[in-house]
Amino acid sequence: MAITGVVILVEPNKAEEILYEVSHLDDVTTYGLHKENNIVAVIEGENSKNLENKINQIKDKIDGILGIFPAYANYEEEIDE
């Protein structure tokens, strides 16, 4: 399993709405808003490629997301294989 902690930069006037949408996605855990337009979240995937696809889908699916920026990533199971 791959896991990444991210900051999702959003348009401030849509932050609450986007937080709600993101918090209801599978394999995403949110930790609230920081400084009005940053959503702190953890995203999980089967592997690093799956994780990358999920991040791109979130960015493309939800209007008002300006960027998704990883703060850390863990996919050491992939490396061990």
Protein backbone atom coordinates (compact mmCIF):
# COMPACT_ATOMS: atom_id res chain seq x y z
CA MET A 1 0.00 0.00 0.00
CA ALA A 2 1.17 3.51 -0.80
CA ILE A 3 0.29 6.47 1.40
CA THR A 4 0.88 10.17 0.91
CA GLY A 5 0.18 13.18 3.08
CA VAL A 6 -0.86 16.16 0.99
CA VAL A 7 -1.88 19.77 1.16
CA ILE A 8 -4.69 20.57 -1.24
CA LEU A 9 -4.61 24.23 -2.22
CA VAL A 10 -8.13 25.46 -3.03
CA GLU A 11 -9.94 28.64 -3.92
CA PRO A 12 -10.79 30.23 -0.53
CA ASN A 13 -14.42 30.93 -1.43
CA LYS A 14 -14.95 27.21 -2.19
CA ALA A 15 -12.87 25.75 0.64
CA GLU A 16 -15.70 24.37 2.82
CA GLU A 17 -17.50 22.84 -0.17
CA ILE A 18 -14.30 21.23 -1.46
CA LEU A 19 -13.39 19.95 2.02
CA TYR A 20 -16.79 18.26 2.18
CA GLU A 21 -16.35 16.66 -1.25
CA VAL A 22 -12.81 15.47 -0.59
CA SER A 23 -13.71 14.09 2.84
CA HIS A 24 -16.29 11.79 1.24
CA LEU A 25 -13.90 10.20 -1.27
CA ASP A 26 -12.74 6.62 -0.80
CA ASP A 27 -9.19 6.20 0.50
CA VAL A 28 -8.95 9.86 1.59
CA THR A 29 -8.79 11.06 5.19
CA THR A 30 -9.02 14.80 5.77
CA TYR A 31 -7.77 16.79 8.74
CA GLY A 32 -9.54 20.08 8.13
CA LEU A 33 -8.66 23.47 6.72
CA HIS A 34 -5.46 25.36 7.41
CA LYS A 35 -5.21 29.10 6.73
CA GLU A 36 -8.57 29.21 4.91
CA ASN A 37 -7.50 27.55 1.66
CA ASN A 38 -5.33 24.52 2.48
CA ILE A 39 -6.91 21.13 3.08
CA VAL A 40 -4.68 18.69 4.94
CA ALA A 41 -5.28 15.08 3.86
CA VAL A 42 -3.86 11.58 3.60
CA ILE A 43 -4.50 9.57 0.45
CA GLU A 44 -4.01 5.80 0.18
CA GLY A 45 -3.53 3.63 -2.88
CA GLU A 46 -2.54 0.12 -3.88
CA ASN A 47 0.82 1.31 -5.21
CA SER A 48 2.56 4.54 -6.22
CA LYS A 49 1.04 4.59 -9.73
CA ASN A 50 -2.46 4.05 -8.34
CA LEU A 51 -1.84 6.84 -5.84
CA GLU A 52 -0.69 9.18 -8.59
CA ASN A 53 -3.83 8.37 -10.60
CA LYS A 54 -6.07 9.08 -7.59
CA ILE A 55 -4.42 12.45 -7.02
CA ASN A 56 -4.91 13.41 -10.67
CA GLN A 57 -8.54 12.26 -10.60
CA ILE A 58 -9.27 14.33 -7.50
CA LYS A 59 -7.67 17.40 -9.06
CA ASP A 60 -9.58 16.95 -12.32
CA LYS A 61 -12.92 16.02 -10.71
CA ILE A 62 -13.36 18.80 -8.17
CA ASP A 63 -13.65 22.38 -9.37
CA GLY A 64 -11.72 24.91 -7.31
CA ILE A 65 -8.66 22.79 -6.53
CA LEU A 66 -5.58 24.79 -7.50
CA GLY A 67 -3.04 22.06 -6.72
CA ILE A 68 -2.28 18.99 -4.67
CA PHE A 69 1.12 19.05 -3.03
CA PRO A 70 2.60 15.95 -1.34
CA ALA A 71 4.27 16.56 2.01
CA TYR A 72 5.40 12.94 2.45
CA ALA A 73 4.96 9.59 0.73
CA ASN A 74 5.44 6.02 1.90
CA TYR A 75 5.54 3.15 -0.56
CA GLU A 76 8.29 1.02 0.93
CA GLU A 77 6.32 -2.21 0.38
CA GLU A 78 6.76 -1.56 -3.35
CA ILE A 79 10.49 -1.18 -2.92
CA ASP A 80 10.74 -4.37 -0.87
CA GLU A 81 9.12 -6.35 -3.68
